[in-house]
């Protein structure tokens, strides 16, 4: 005899939870990389303009 497993329709799956956690991490890394890249661009622009 087989038993059917019933999961509530509003239950959060582990895959969805993992995806949400990973997307938060990737968003944080992307924002950090963008800020760092922008800062480096400004730094090297200023250094080039000053002529060091």
C-alpha atoms as a PDB file:
ATOM      1  CA  UNK A   1       0.000   0.000   0.000  1.00  0.00           C
ATOM      2  CA  UNK A   2       1.301   3.422  -0.921  1.00  0.00           C
ATOM      3  CA  UNK A   3       0.695   6.499   1.142  1.00  0.00           C
ATOM      4  CA  UNK A   4       0.238   9.897  -0.399  1.00  0.00           C
ATOM      5  CA  UNK A   5       2.161  12.711   1.175  1.00  0.00           C
ATOM      6  CA  UNK A   6       0.071  15.836   1.506  1.00  0.00           C
ATOM      7  CA  UNK A   7       1.827  19.156   1.834  1.00  0.00           C
ATOM      8  CA  UNK A   8      -0.090  22.323   2.627  1.00  0.00           C
ATOM      9  CA  UNK A   9      -0.386  24.585  -0.417  1.00  0.00           C
ATOM     10  CA  UNK A  10       1.230  27.502   1.423  1.00  0.00           C
ATOM     11  CA  UNK A  11       4.227  25.492   2.708  1.00  0.00           C
ATOM     12  CA  UNK A  12       7.606  26.958   1.860  1.00  0.00           C
ATOM     13  CA  UNK A  13       9.915  24.466   0.203  1.00  0.00           C
ATOM     14  CA  UNK A  14      13.604  24.224   1.126  1.00  0.00           C
ATOM     15  CA  UNK A  15      14.491  25.060  -2.486  1.00  0.00           C
ATOM     16  CA  UNK A  16      12.561  28.325  -2.324  1.00  0.00           C
ATOM     17  CA  UNK A  17      14.228  29.213   0.969  1.00  0.00           C
ATOM     18  CA  UNK A  18      17.674  28.457  -0.478  1.00  0.00           C
ATOM     19  CA  UNK A  19      16.917  30.505  -3.582  1.00  0.00           C
ATOM     20  CA  UNK A  20      15.808  33.444  -1.450  1.00  0.00           C
ATOM     21  CA  UNK A  21      18.973  33.255   0.675  1.00  0.00           C
ATOM     22  CA  UNK A  22      21.217  32.957  -2.386  1.00  0.00           C
ATOM     23  CA  UNK A  23      19.533  35.877  -4.136  1.00  0.00           C
ATOM     24  CA  UNK A  24      20.027  38.092  -1.076  1.00  0.00           C
ATOM     25  CA  UNK A  25      23.705  37.168  -0.987  1.00  0.00           C
ATOM     26  CA  UNK A  26      24.182  37.773  -4.715  1.00  0.00           C
ATOM     27  CA  UNK A  27      22.369  41.112  -4.528  1.00  0.00           C
ATOM     28  CA  UNK A  28      24.633  42.210  -1.669  1.00  0.00           C
ATOM     29  CA  UNK A  29      27.735  41.168  -3.584  1.00  0.00           C
ATOM     30  CA  UNK A  30      26.540  42.935  -6.743  1.00  0.00           C
ATOM     31  CA  UNK A  31      25.879  46.183  -4.865  1.00  0.00           C
ATOM     32  CA  UNK A  32      29.276  45.956  -3.160  1.00  0.00           C
ATOM     33  CA  UNK A  33      31.028  45.329  -6.480  1.00  0.00           C
ATOM     34  CA  UNK A  34      29.215  48.260  -8.114  1.00  0.00           C
ATOM     35  CA  UNK A  35      30.161  50.652  -5.309  1.00  0.00           C
ATOM     36  CA  UNK A  36      33.775  49.469  -5.327  1.00  0.00           C
ATOM     37  CA  UNK A  37      33.980  49.741  -9.122  1.00  0.00           C
ATOM     38  CA  UNK A  38      32.521  53.241  -9.041  1.00  0.00           C
ATOM     39  CA  UNK A  39      34.958  54.283  -6.341  1.00  0.00           C
ATOM     40  CA  UNK A  40      37.915  52.961  -8.311  1.00  0.00           C
ATOM     41  CA  UNK A  41      36.704  54.742 -11.429  1.00  0.00           C
ATOM     42  CA  UNK A  42      36.450  58.046  -9.567  1.00  0.00           C
ATOM     43  CA  UNK A  43      39.839  57.504  -7.899  1.00  0.00           C
ATOM     44  CA  UNK A  44      41.684  56.823 -11.140  1.00  0.00           C
ATOM     45  CA  UNK A  45      39.879  59.688 -12.883  1.00  0.00           C
ATOM     46  CA  UNK A  46      41.025  62.101 -10.178  1.00  0.00           C
ATOM     47  CA  UNK A  47      44.579  60.717 -10.190  1.00  0.00           C
ATOM     48  CA  UNK A  48      44.748  61.049 -13.984  1.00  0.00           C
ATOM     49  CA  UNK A  49      43.343  64.598 -13.879  1.00  0.00           C
ATOM     50  CA  UNK A  50      45.830  65.701 -11.217  1.00  0.00           C
ATOM     51  CA  UNK A  51      48.642  64.136 -13.235  1.00  0.00           C
ATOM     52  CA  UNK A  52      50.550  62.168 -10.647  1.00  0.00           C
END
